[in-house]
PDB file of N, CA and C in Angstrom:
ATOM      1  N   UNK A   1     105.124  96.130 127.724  1.00  0.00           N
ATOM      2  CA  UNK A   1     104.283  97.180 128.071  1.00  0.00           C
ATOM      3  C   UNK A   1     104.921  98.226 127.574  1.00  0.00           C
ATOM      4  N   UNK A   2     105.747  98.622 127.684  1.00  0.00           N
ATOM      5  CA  UNK A   2     106.305  99.928 127.028  1.00  0.00           C
ATOM      6  C   UNK A   2     106.178 100.423 125.758  1.00  0.00           C
ATOM      7  N   UNK A   3     105.952  99.594 124.886  1.00  0.00           N
ATOM      8  CA  UNK A   3     105.182  99.892 123.748  1.00  0.00           C
ATOM      9  C   UNK A   3     104.055 100.074 123.524  1.00  0.00           C
ATOM     10  N   UNK A   4     103.039  99.225 123.872  1.00  0.00           N
ATOM     11  CA  UNK A   4     101.806  99.572 124.238  1.00  0.00           C
ATOM     12  C   UNK A   4     101.649 100.794 124.772  1.00  0.00           C
ATOM     13  N   UNK A   5     102.482 101.307 126.049  1.00  0.00           N
ATOM     14  CA  UNK A   5     102.168 102.560 126.893  1.00  0.00           C
ATOM     15  C   UNK A   5     102.628 103.755 125.170  1.00  0.00           C
ATOM     16  N   UNK A   6     103.198 103.680 124.826  1.00  0.00           N
ATOM     17  CA  UNK A   6     104.023 104.578 123.590  1.00  0.00           C
ATOM     18  C   UNK A   6     103.009 104.902 122.592  1.00  0.00           C
ATOM     19  N   UNK A   7     102.401 103.254 122.285  1.00  0.00           N
ATOM     20  CA  UNK A   7     101.113 103.391 121.218  1.00  0.00           C
ATOM     21  C   UNK A   7      99.916 104.129 121.986  1.00  0.00           C
ATOM     22  N   UNK A   8      99.381 103.791 123.286  1.00  0.00           N
ATOM     23  CA  UNK A   8      98.200 104.565 123.761  1.00  0.00           C
ATOM     24  C   UNK A   8      98.295 106.078 123.564  1.00  0.00           C
ATOM     25  N   UNK A   9      99.654 106.684 124.311  1.00  0.00           N
ATOM     26  CA  UNK A   9     100.599 107.848 123.810  1.00  0.00           C
ATOM     27  C   UNK A   9     100.005 108.482 122.484  1.00  0.00           C
ATOM     28  N   UNK A  10     100.587 107.816 121.658  1.00  0.00           N
ATOM     29  CA  UNK A  10     100.516 107.968 119.957  1.00  0.00           C
ATOM     30  C   UNK A  10      99.114 108.346 119.504  1.00  0.00           C
ATOM     31  N   UNK A  11      98.151 107.480 119.835  1.00  0.00           N
ATOM     32  CA  UNK A  11      96.986 107.515 119.745  1.00  0.00           C
ATOM     33  C   UNK A  11      96.089 108.637 120.314  1.00  0.00           C
ATOM     34  N   UNK A  12      96.446 108.791 121.343  1.00  0.00           N
ATOM     35  CA  UNK A  12      95.528 109.811 122.271  1.00  0.00           C
ATOM     36  C   UNK A  12      96.157 111.210 121.840  1.00  0.00           C
ATOM     37  N   UNK A  13      97.331 111.315 121.543  1.00  0.00           N
ATOM     38  CA  UNK A  13      97.788 112.468 120.667  1.00  0.00           C
ATOM     39  C   UNK A  13      97.185 112.779 119.348  1.00  0.00           C
ATOM     40  N   UNK A  14      96.924 112.046 118.659  1.00  0.00           N
ATOM     41  CA  UNK A  14      96.306 111.430 117.198  1.00  0.00           C
ATOM     42  C   UNK A  14      94.913 112.294 117.335  1.00  0.00           C
ATOM     43  N   UNK A  15      94.729 111.930 118.013  1.00  0.00           N
ATOM     44  CA  UNK A  15      92.725 111.809 118.713  1.00  0.00           C
ATOM     45  C   UNK A  15      92.650 113.460 118.889  1.00  0.00           C
ATOM     46  N   UNK A  16      93.413 114.049 119.671  1.00  0.00           N
ATOM     47  CA  UNK A  16      93.456 115.716 119.910  1.00  0.00           C
ATOM     48  C   UNK A  16      93.499 116.425 118.373  1.00  0.00           C
ATOM     49  N   UNK A  17      95.003 115.965 117.546  1.00  0.00           N
ATOM     50  CA  UNK A  17      95.232 116.663 116.608  1.00  0.00           C
ATOM     51  C   UNK A  17      93.979 116.318 115.495  1.00  0.00           C
ATOM     52  N   UNK A  18      93.107 115.179 114.817  1.00  0.00           N
ATOM     53  CA  UNK A  18      91.984 115.336 114.648  1.00  0.00           C
ATOM     54  C   UNK A  18      90.734 116.016 115.145  1.00  0.00           C
ATOM     55  N   UNK A  19      90.510 115.872 116.618  1.00  0.00           N
ATOM     56  CA  UNK A  19      89.601 116.719 116.992  1.00  0.00           C
ATOM     57  C   UNK A  19      89.737 118.514 116.897  1.00  0.00           C
ATOM     58  N   UNK A  20      91.327 118.858 116.720  1.00  0.00           N
ATOM     59  CA  UNK A  20      92.003 120.294 116.647  1.00  0.00           C
ATOM     60  C   UNK A  20      91.173 120.277 114.971  1.00  0.00           C
ATOM     61  N   UNK A  21      91.491 119.480 114.056  1.00  0.00           N
ATOM     62  CA  UNK A  21      91.288 119.612 112.835  1.00  0.00           C
ATOM     63  C   UNK A  21      90.007 119.871 112.327  1.00  0.00           C
ATOM     64  N   UNK A  22      88.885 119.051 113.060  1.00  0.00           N
ATOM     65  CA  UNK A  22      87.498 118.830 113.305  1.00  0.00           C
ATOM     66  C   UNK A  22      86.842 120.339 113.210  1.00  0.00           C
ATOM     67  N   UNK A  23      87.516 120.803 114.645  1.00  0.00           N
ATOM     68  CA  UNK A  23      87.388 122.227 114.805  1.00  0.00           C
ATOM     69  C   UNK A  23      87.308 123.279 114.282  1.00  0.00           C
ATOM     70  N   UNK A  24      88.657 123.341 113.392  1.00  0.00           N
ATOM     71  CA  UNK A  24      88.943 124.166 112.446  1.00  0.00           C
ATOM     72  C   UNK A  24      87.859 123.955 111.149  1.00  0.00           C
ATOM     73  N   UNK A  25      87.200 122.994 111.024  1.00  0.00           N
ATOM     74  CA  UNK A  25      86.548 122.597 109.548  1.00  0.00           C
ATOM     75  C   UNK A  25      84.808 123.094 110.658  1.00  0.00           C
ATOM     76  N   UNK A  26      84.955 123.675 111.798  1.00  0.00           N
ATOM     77  CA  UNK A  26      83.716 124.287 112.268  1.00  0.00           C
ATOM     78  C   UNK A  26      82.744 122.820 112.350  1.00  0.00           C
ATOM     79  N   UNK A  27      83.452 121.630 112.857  1.00  0.00           N
ATOM     80  CA  UNK A  27      82.903 120.187 112.817  1.00  0.00           C
ATOM     81  C   UNK A  27      82.478 120.222 114.579  1.00  0.00           C
ATOM     82  N   UNK A  28      81.835 121.208 115.317  1.00  0.00           N
ATOM     83  CA  UNK A  28      82.101 120.959 116.668  1.00  0.00           C
ATOM     84  C   UNK A  28      81.508 119.757 117.202  1.00  0.00           C
ATOM     85  N   UNK A  29      80.517 119.086 116.591  1.00  0.00           N
ATOM     86  CA  UNK A  29      80.133 117.568 116.689  1.00  0.00           C
ATOM     87  C   UNK A  29      80.985 116.565 117.329  1.00  0.00           C
ATOM     88  N   UNK A  30      81.820 116.627 115.990  1.00  0.00           N
ATOM     89  CA  UNK A  30      82.805 115.788 115.474  1.00  0.00           C
ATOM     90  C   UNK A  30      84.173 115.830 116.196  1.00  0.00           C
ATOM     91  N   UNK A  31      84.017 117.105 116.513  1.00  0.00           N
ATOM     92  CA  UNK A  31      85.719 117.772 117.369  1.00  0.00           C
ATOM     93  C   UNK A  31      85.215 117.273 119.015  1.00  0.00           C
ATOM     94  N   UNK A  32      83.909 117.145 119.571  1.00  0.00           N
ATOM     95  CA  UNK A  32      83.874 116.947 120.849  1.00  0.00           C
ATOM     96  C   UNK A  32      83.759 115.576 120.997  1.00  0.00           C
ATOM     97  N   UNK A  33      83.260 114.639 120.071  1.00  0.00           N
ATOM     98  CA  UNK A  33      83.342 113.274 119.958  1.00  0.00           C
ATOM     99  C   UNK A  33      84.987 112.760 120.044  1.00  0.00           C
ATOM    100  N   UNK A  34      86.070 113.354 119.324  1.00  0.00           N
ATOM    101  CA  UNK A  34      87.021 112.887 118.921  1.00  0.00           C
ATOM    102  C   UNK A  34      87.955 113.190 120.389  1.00  0.00           C
ATOM    103  N   UNK A  35      87.331 114.295 121.244  1.00  0.00           N
ATOM    104  CA  UNK A  35      88.108 114.673 122.386  1.00  0.00           C
ATOM    105  C   UNK A  35      87.644 113.344 123.590  1.00  0.00           C
ATOM    106  N   UNK A  36      86.291 113.189 123.158  1.00  0.00           N
ATOM    107  CA  UNK A  36      85.793 112.152 123.966  1.00  0.00           C
ATOM    108  C   UNK A  36      86.570 110.868 123.923  1.00  0.00           C
ATOM    109  N   UNK A  37      86.980 110.292 122.908  1.00  0.00           N
ATOM    110  CA  UNK A  37      87.814 109.397 122.779  1.00  0.00           C
ATOM    111  C   UNK A  37      88.922 109.675 123.036  1.00  0.00           C
ATOM    112  N   UNK A  38      89.661 110.493 122.910  1.00  0.00           N
ATOM    113  CA  UNK A  38      90.742 110.753 123.536  1.00  0.00           C
ATOM    114  C   UNK A  38      91.334 110.978 125.115  1.00  0.00           C
ATOM    115  N   UNK A  39      90.008 111.422 125.626  1.00  0.00           N
ATOM    116  CA  UNK A  39      90.058 111.043 127.317  1.00  0.00           C
ATOM    117  C   UNK A  39      89.906 109.673 127.778  1.00  0.00           C
ATOM    118  N   UNK A  40      89.117 108.956 126.924  1.00  0.00           N
ATOM    119  CA  UNK A  40      88.791 107.601 127.077  1.00  0.00           C
ATOM    120  C   UNK A  40      90.035 106.890 127.021  1.00  0.00           C
ATOM    121  N   UNK A  41      90.897 107.329 126.209  1.00  0.00           N
ATOM    122  CA  UNK A  41      92.446 106.674 125.902  1.00  0.00           C
ATOM    123  C   UNK A  41      93.463 106.803 127.226  1.00  0.00           C
ATOM    124  N   UNK A  42      93.023 108.855 127.706  1.00  0.00           N
ATOM    125  CA  UNK A  42      93.909 108.693 128.856  1.00  0.00           C
ATOM    126  C   UNK A  42      93.749 107.318 130.205  1.00  0.00           C
ATOM    127  N   UNK A  43      92.623 107.105 130.102  1.00  0.00           N
ATOM    128  CA  UNK A  43      91.770 105.977 130.794  1.00  0.00           C
ATOM    129  C   UNK A  43      92.621 105.238 130.939  1.00  0.00           C
ATOM    130  N   UNK A  44      93.108 104.785 129.589  1.00  0.00           N
ATOM    131  CA  UNK A  44      93.484 103.284 129.549  1.00  0.00           C
ATOM    132  C   UNK A  44      95.082 103.525 129.520  1.00  0.00           C
ATOM    133  N   UNK A  45      95.455 105.057 129.306  1.00  0.00           N
ATOM    134  CA  UNK A  45      96.948 104.929 129.460  1.00  0.00           C
ATOM    135  C   UNK A  45      97.122 104.755 130.995  1.00  0.00           C
ATOM    136  N   UNK A  46      96.352 105.246 131.941  1.00  0.00           N
ATOM    137  CA  UNK A  46      96.586 105.084 133.719  1.00  0.00           C
ATOM    138  C   UNK A  46      96.706 103.732 133.619  1.00  0.00           C
ATOM    139  N   UNK A  47      95.712 102.726 133.045  1.00  0.00           N
ATOM    140  CA  UNK A  47      95.663 101.281 133.535  1.00  0.00           C
ATOM    141  C   UNK A  47      97.052 100.904 133.022  1.00  0.00           C
ATOM    142  N   UNK A  48      97.658 101.036 131.924  1.00  0.00           N
ATOM    143  CA  UNK A  48      98.622 100.407 131.098  1.00  0.00           C
ATOM    144  C   UNK A  48     100.112 100.921 132.367  1.00  0.00           C
ATOM    145  N   UNK A  49      99.829 102.200 132.964  1.00  0.00           N
ATOM    146  CA  UNK A  49     101.306 102.608 133.857  1.00  0.00           C
ATOM    147  C   UNK A  49     100.690 101.608 134.779  1.00  0.00           C
ATOM    148  N   UNK A  50      99.501 101.551 135.322  1.00  0.00           N
ATOM    149  CA  UNK A  50      99.255 100.802 136.743  1.00  0.00           C
ATOM    150  C   UNK A  50      99.890  99.331 136.152  1.00  0.00           C
ATOM    151  N   UNK A  51     100.256  98.825 135.498  1.00  0.00           N
ATOM    152  CA  UNK A  51     100.480  97.327 135.211  1.00  0.00           C
ATOM    153  C   UNK A  51      99.383  96.516 134.410  1.00  0.00           C
ATOM    154  N   UNK A  52      98.089  97.267 134.368  1.00  0.00           N
ATOM    155  CA  UNK A  52      96.983  96.377 134.062  1.00  0.00           C
ATOM    156  C   UNK A  52      96.968  96.045 132.840  1.00  0.00           C
ATOM    157  N   UNK A  53      96.462  94.620 132.207  1.00  0.00           N
ATOM    158  CA  UNK A  53      96.568  94.674 130.393  1.00  0.00           C
ATOM    159  C   UNK A  53      95.863  95.514 130.029  1.00  0.00           C
ATOM    160  N   UNK A  54      95.855  95.997 128.857  1.00  0.00           N
ATOM    161  CA  UNK A  54      94.946  97.052 127.632  1.00  0.00           C
ATOM    162  C   UNK A  54      94.769  96.459 126.366  1.00  0.00           C
ATOM    163  N   UNK A  55      93.191  96.078 125.979  1.00  0.00           N
ATOM    164  CA  UNK A  55      92.902  95.330 124.814  1.00  0.00           C
ATOM    165  C   UNK A  55      93.328  96.764 123.863  1.00  0.00           C
ATOM    166  N   UNK A  56      94.094  96.139 122.940  1.00  0.00           N
ATOM    167  CA  UNK A  56      94.596  97.413 122.075  1.00  0.00           C
ATOM    168  C   UNK A  56      93.476  97.071 120.865  1.00  0.00           C
ATOM    169  N   UNK A  57      92.895  96.291 120.538  1.00  0.00           N
ATOM    170  CA  UNK A  57      91.916  96.132 119.913  1.00  0.00           C
ATOM    171  C   UNK A  57      90.502  97.030 120.063  1.00  0.00           C
ATOM    172  N   UNK A  58      90.345  97.156 121.362  1.00  0.00           N
ATOM    173  CA  UNK A  58      89.405  98.820 121.691  1.00  0.00           C
ATOM    174  C   UNK A  58      89.475  99.686 121.463  1.00  0.00           C
ATOM    175  N   UNK A  59      90.987  99.720 121.129  1.00  0.00           N
ATOM    176  CA  UNK A  59      91.352 101.673 121.026  1.00  0.00           C
ATOM    177  C   UNK A  59      90.536 101.932 119.864  1.00  0.00           C
ATOM    178  N   UNK A  60      89.977 103.367 119.837  1.00  0.00           N
ATOM    179  CA  UNK A  60      89.603 103.751 118.747  1.00  0.00           C
ATOM    180  C   UNK A  60      90.255 104.494 117.476  1.00  0.00           C
ATOM    181  N   UNK A  61      90.104 104.363 116.438  1.00  0.00           N
ATOM    182  CA  UNK A  61      91.018 104.590 115.480  1.00  0.00           C
ATOM    183  C   UNK A  61      90.739 105.861 115.066  1.00  0.00           C
ATOM    184  N   UNK A  62      91.563 106.523 114.676  1.00  0.00           N
ATOM    185  CA  UNK A  62      91.898 107.890 114.300  1.00  0.00           C
ATOM    186  C   UNK A  62      91.373 107.924 112.610  1.00  0.00           C
ATOM    187  N   UNK A  63      90.032 109.010 112.224  1.00  0.00           N
ATOM    188  CA  UNK A  63      89.468 109.275 111.172  1.00  0.00           C
ATOM    189  C   UNK A  63      90.436 109.652 110.253  1.00  0.00           C
ATOM    190  N   UNK A  64      90.364 109.494 108.899  1.00  0.00           N
ATOM    191  CA  UNK A  64      91.413 110.348 108.150  1.00  0.00           C
ATOM    192  C   UNK A  64      90.523 111.597 107.642  1.00  0.00           C
ATOM    193  N   UNK A  65      91.363 112.399 107.389  1.00  0.00           N
ATOM    194  CA  UNK A  65      90.998 113.560 106.946  1.00  0.00           C
ATOM    195  C   UNK A  65      90.482 113.377 105.465  1.00  0.00           C
ATOM    196  N   UNK A  66      89.637 113.738 104.970  1.00  0.00           N
ATOM    197  CA  UNK A  66      89.817 113.573 103.533  1.00  0.00           C
ATOM    198  C   UNK A  66      90.636 114.609 102.818  1.00  0.00           C
ATOM    199  N   UNK A  67      90.882 115.516 103.336  1.00  0.00           N
ATOM    200  CA  UNK A  67      91.829 116.665 102.898  1.00  0.00           C
ATOM    201  C   UNK A  67      93.039 116.253 102.657  1.00  0.00           C
ATOM    202  N   UNK A  68      93.707 115.630 103.259  1.00  0.00           N
ATOM    203  CA  UNK A  68      95.080 114.841 103.261  1.00  0.00           C
ATOM    204  C   UNK A  68      95.311 114.358 101.911  1.00  0.00           C
ATOM    205  N   UNK A  69      94.065 113.860 101.579  1.00  0.00           N
ATOM    206  CA  UNK A  69      94.219 112.906  99.671  1.00  0.00           C
ATOM    207  C   UNK A  69      94.306 113.836  98.832  1.00  0.00           C
ATOM    208  N   UNK A  70      93.463 115.148  99.146  1.00  0.00           N
ATOM    209  CA  UNK A  70      93.188 116.161  97.635  1.00  0.00           C
ATOM    210  C   UNK A  70      94.585 116.097  97.303  1.00  0.00           C
ATOM    211  N   UNK A  71      93.821 116.917  95.651  1.00  0.00           N
ATOM    212  CA  UNK A  71      94.731 117.003  95.036  1.00  0.00           C
ATOM    213  C   UNK A  71      94.142 118.526  94.335  1.00  0.00           C
ATOM    214  N   UNK A  72      95.293 119.302  94.713  1.00  0.00           N
ATOM    215  CA  UNK A  72      95.348 120.668  94.149  1.00  0.00           C
ATOM    216  C   UNK A  72      96.283 121.036  93.274  1.00  0.00           C
ATOM    217  N   UNK A  73      96.010 122.275  92.514  1.00  0.00           N
ATOM    218  CA  UNK A  73      96.817 122.918  91.687  1.00  0.00           C
ATOM    219  C   UNK A  73      97.824 123.730  92.370  1.00  0.00           C
ATOM    220  N   UNK A  74      99.603 123.422  92.353  1.00  0.00           N
ATOM    221  CA  UNK A  74     100.607 123.840  92.999  1.00  0.00           C
ATOM    222  C   UNK A  74     100.532 125.091  92.841  1.00  0.00           C
ATOM    223  N   UNK A  75     100.392 126.245  93.350  1.00  0.00           N
ATOM    224  CA  UNK A  75     100.904 127.683  92.852  1.00  0.00           C
ATOM    225  C   UNK A  75     100.231 128.168  92.079  1.00  0.00           C
ATOM    226  N   UNK A  76      99.027 127.764  91.674  1.00  0.00           N
ATOM    227  CA  UNK A  76      98.259 128.581  90.284  1.00  0.00           C
ATOM    228  C   UNK A  76      98.825 127.995  89.065  1.00  0.00           C
ATOM    229  N   UNK A  77      99.486 126.890  88.937  1.00  0.00           N
ATOM    230  CA  UNK A  77     100.449 126.065  87.773  1.00  0.00           C
ATOM    231  C   UNK A  77      99.322 125.006  87.322  1.00  0.00           C
ATOM    232  N   UNK A  78      98.304 124.882  86.616  1.00  0.00           N
ATOM    233  CA  UNK A  78      97.700 124.136  86.331  1.00  0.00           C
ATOM    234  C   UNK A  78      98.185 122.691  85.400  1.00  0.00           C
ATOM    235  N   UNK A  79      97.600 121.520  86.293  1.00  0.00           N
ATOM    236  CA  UNK A  79      98.450 120.371  86.175  1.00  0.00           C
ATOM    237  C   UNK A  79      97.928 119.605  84.461  1.00  0.00           C
ATOM    238  N   UNK A  80      98.934 119.301  83.699  1.00  0.00           N
ATOM    239  CA  UNK A  80      98.017 118.376  82.901  1.00  0.00           C
ATOM    240  C   UNK A  80      97.302 117.319  83.221  1.00  0.00           C
ATOM    241  N   UNK A  81      96.628 116.852  82.231  1.00  0.00           N
ATOM    242  CA  UNK A  81      95.564 115.532  82.758  1.00  0.00           C
ATOM    243  C   UNK A  81      95.959 114.412  83.072  1.00  0.00           C
ATOM    244  N   UNK A  82      97.325 114.518  82.302  1.00  0.00           N
ATOM    245  CA  UNK A  82      97.857 112.976  82.569  1.00  0.00           C
ATOM    246  C   UNK A  82      98.442 112.390  83.762  1.00  0.00           C
ATOM    247  N   UNK A  83      99.061 113.663  84.509  1.00  0.00           N
ATOM    248  CA  UNK A  83      99.600 114.033  85.957  1.00  0.00           C
ATOM    249  C   UNK A  83      98.139 113.561  86.996  1.00  0.00           C
ATOM    250  N   UNK A  84      96.979 114.491  86.458  1.00  0.00           N
ATOM    251  CA  UNK A  84      96.024 114.007  87.569  1.00  0.00           C
ATOM    252  C   UNK A  84      96.210 112.903  87.640  1.00  0.00           C
ATOM    253  N   UNK A  85      95.999 112.113  86.617  1.00  0.00           N
ATOM    254  CA  UNK A  85      94.744 111.096  86.470  1.00  0.00           C
ATOM    255  C   UNK A  85      96.252 110.229  87.330  1.00  0.00           C
ATOM    256  N   UNK A  86      97.701 110.240  86.877  1.00  0.00           N
ATOM    257  CA  UNK A  86      98.486 109.832  87.556  1.00  0.00           C
ATOM    258  C   UNK A  86      98.527 109.806  88.975  1.00  0.00           C
ATOM    259  N   UNK A  87      98.045 110.825  89.793  1.00  0.00           N
ATOM    260  CA  UNK A  87      98.255 111.261  90.959  1.00  0.00           C
ATOM    261  C   UNK A  87      96.921 110.412  91.382  1.00  0.00           C
ATOM    262  N   UNK A  88      96.308 110.797  90.920  1.00  0.00           N
ATOM    263  CA  UNK A  88      95.008 110.511  91.358  1.00  0.00           C
ATOM    264  C   UNK A  88      94.816 108.939  91.557  1.00  0.00           C
ATOM    265  N   UNK A  89      95.488 107.790  90.832  1.00  0.00           N
ATOM    266  CA  UNK A  89      95.892 106.528  90.794  1.00  0.00           C
ATOM    267  C   UNK A  89      97.064 106.293  92.190  1.00  0.00           C
ATOM    268  N   UNK A  90      97.321 107.085  92.336  1.00  0.00           N
ATOM    269  CA  UNK A  90      98.513 107.034  93.416  1.00  0.00           C
ATOM    270  C   UNK A  90      97.571 107.313  95.029  1.00  0.00           C
ATOM    271  N   UNK A  91      97.019 108.411  94.655  1.00  0.00           N
ATOM    272  CA  UNK A  91      96.174 108.547  96.122  1.00  0.00           C
ATOM    273  C   UNK A  91      95.137 107.427  96.150  1.00  0.00           C
ATOM    274  N   UNK A  92      94.271 106.658  95.002  1.00  0.00           N
ATOM    275  CA  UNK A  92      93.854 105.851  95.693  1.00  0.00           C
ATOM    276  C   UNK A  92      94.946 104.116  96.015  1.00  0.00           C
ATOM    277  N   UNK A  93      95.750 104.203  95.394  1.00  0.00           N
ATOM    278  CA  UNK A  93      96.844 103.105  95.978  1.00  0.00           C
ATOM    279  C   UNK A  93      96.605 103.272  97.475  1.00  0.00           C
ATOM    280  N   UNK A  94      97.336 104.355  97.644  1.00  0.00           N
ATOM    281  CA  UNK A  94      97.953 105.097  98.947  1.00  0.00           C
ATOM    282  C   UNK A  94      96.880 104.578  99.796  1.00  0.00           C
ATOM    283  N   UNK A  95      94.986 105.019  99.561  1.00  0.00           N
ATOM    284  CA  UNK A  95      94.497 104.639 100.564  1.00  0.00           C
ATOM    285  C   UNK A  95      94.069 103.390 100.884  1.00  0.00           C
ATOM    286  N   UNK A  96      94.151 102.618  99.848  1.00  0.00           N
ATOM    287  CA  UNK A  96      94.357 100.692  99.601  1.00  0.00           C
ATOM    288  C   UNK A  96      95.287 100.292 100.673  1.00  0.00           C
ATOM    289  N   UNK A  97      96.519 100.625 100.609  1.00  0.00           N
ATOM    290  CA  UNK A  97      97.515 100.445 101.416  1.00  0.00           C
ATOM    291  C   UNK A  97      97.225 100.963 102.938  1.00  0.00           C
ATOM    292  N   UNK A  98      96.510 102.137 103.333  1.00  0.00           N
ATOM    293  CA  UNK A  98      96.311 102.327 104.400  1.00  0.00           C
ATOM    294  C   UNK A  98      95.246 101.893 104.981  1.00  0.00           C
ATOM    295  N   UNK A  99      94.060 101.360 104.196  1.00  0.00           N
ATOM    296  CA  UNK A  99      93.454 100.197 104.877  1.00  0.00           C
ATOM    297  C   UNK A  99      93.596  98.696 104.923  1.00  0.00           C
ATOM    298  N   UNK A 100      94.535  97.933 104.342  1.00  0.00           N
ATOM    299  CA  UNK A 100      95.230  97.036 104.426  1.00  0.00           C
ATOM    300  C   UNK A 100      96.110  97.436 105.792  1.00  0.00           C
ATOM    301  N   UNK A 101      97.042  98.201 106.034  1.00  0.00           N
ATOM    302  CA  UNK A 101      97.863  98.459 107.346  1.00  0.00           C
ATOM    303  C   UNK A 101      96.818  98.538 108.333  1.00  0.00           C
ATOM    304  N   UNK A 102      95.713  99.198 108.235  1.00  0.00           N
ATOM    305  CA  UNK A 102      94.522  99.392 109.029  1.00  0.00           C
ATOM    306  C   UNK A 102      94.085  97.624 109.697  1.00  0.00           C
ATOM    307  N   UNK A 103      93.680  96.881 108.581  1.00  0.00           N
ATOM    308  CA  UNK A 103      93.471  95.493 109.010  1.00  0.00           C
ATOM    309  C   UNK A 103      94.059  94.880 109.512  1.00  0.00           C
ATOM    310  N   UNK A 104      95.980  94.773 108.929  1.00  0.00           N
ATOM    311  CA  UNK A 104      96.786  94.152 109.431  1.00  0.00           C
ATOM    312  C   UNK A 104      97.226  94.474 111.244  1.00  0.00           C
ATOM    313  N   UNK A 105      96.895  96.076 111.273  1.00  0.00           N
ATOM    314  CA  UNK A 105      97.196  96.135 112.854  1.00  0.00           C
ATOM    315  C   UNK A 105      96.222  96.043 113.754  1.00  0.00           C
ATOM    316  N   UNK A 106      94.651  95.424 113.589  1.00  0.00           N
ATOM    317  CA  UNK A 106      93.715  94.838 114.026  1.00  0.00           C
ATOM    318  C   UNK A 106      94.044  93.746 114.085  1.00  0.00           C
ATOM    319  N   UNK A 107      94.553  92.645 113.285  1.00  0.00           N
ATOM    320  CA  UNK A 107      94.921  91.583 113.340  1.00  0.00           C
ATOM    321  C   UNK A 107      96.164  90.969 114.380  1.00  0.00           C
ATOM    322  N   UNK A 108      96.951  92.005 114.230  1.00  0.00           N
ATOM    323  CA  UNK A 108      97.883  91.902 115.377  1.00  0.00           C
ATOM    324  C   UNK A 108      97.382  92.177 116.548  1.00  0.00           C
ATOM    325  N   UNK A 109      96.821  93.116 116.577  1.00  0.00           N
ATOM    326  CA  UNK A 109      96.516  93.818 118.073  1.00  0.00           C
ATOM    327  C   UNK A 109      95.521  92.688 118.554  1.00  0.00           C
ATOM    328  N   UNK A 110      95.045  91.675 117.720  1.00  0.00           N
ATOM    329  CA  UNK A 110      94.068  90.600 118.560  1.00  0.00           C
ATOM    330  C   UNK A 110      94.824  89.643 118.615  1.00  0.00           C
ATOM    331  N   UNK A 111      95.925  89.211 117.987  1.00  0.00           N
ATOM    332  CA  UNK A 111      97.021  88.124 118.581  1.00  0.00           C
ATOM    333  C   UNK A 111      98.037  88.812 119.661  1.00  0.00           C
ATOM    334  N   UNK A 112      97.837  89.845 119.539  1.00  0.00           N
ATOM    335  CA  UNK A 112      98.461  90.247 121.051  1.00  0.00           C
ATOM    336  C   UNK A 112      99.826  90.577 120.758  1.00  0.00           C
ATOM    337  N   UNK A 113     100.161  91.303 119.674  1.00  0.00           N
ATOM    338  CA  UNK A 113     101.567  90.917 118.936  1.00  0.00           C
ATOM    339  C   UNK A 113     101.409  92.666 118.185  1.00  0.00           C
ATOM    340  N   UNK A 114     101.649  93.987 119.109  1.00  0.00           N
ATOM    341  CA  UNK A 114     101.934  94.993 118.727  1.00  0.00           C
ATOM    342  C   UNK A 114     103.160  95.848 118.080  1.00  0.00           C
ATOM    343  N   UNK A 115     103.790  94.611 118.030  1.00  0.00           N
ATOM    344  CA  UNK A 115     105.315  95.224 117.787  1.00  0.00           C
ATOM    345  C   UNK A 115     105.341  95.097 116.196  1.00  0.00           C
ATOM    346  N   UNK A 116     104.490  94.182 115.409  1.00  0.00           N
ATOM    347  CA  UNK A 116     104.739  94.311 114.179  1.00  0.00           C
ATOM    348  C   UNK A 116     104.370  95.432 113.395  1.00  0.00           C
TER     349      UNK A 116
END
């Protein structure tokens, strides 16, 4: 139950941070949506604190910010083409691993085992 509560609080913080990022990008509708989702998680946190069971599979996911994976030149130094290609391959591999982790997370949540 404590792990579930920690997970819910972490997800709420992640949703609020994503809303702030959306607001900085002037995506006010996206920010409002993310804040509504965070408020919904707050209700689930209250239920979890009250000892009620919470279906983790129904918790909204935090959208990935595409800017987190953008590659840019470091401090005005142009990157060699080989390095750019390698970094793009690594970013793609990381995105695939992230999707795989999300899939496993959903599967474990459906099985009721969120500690994995």
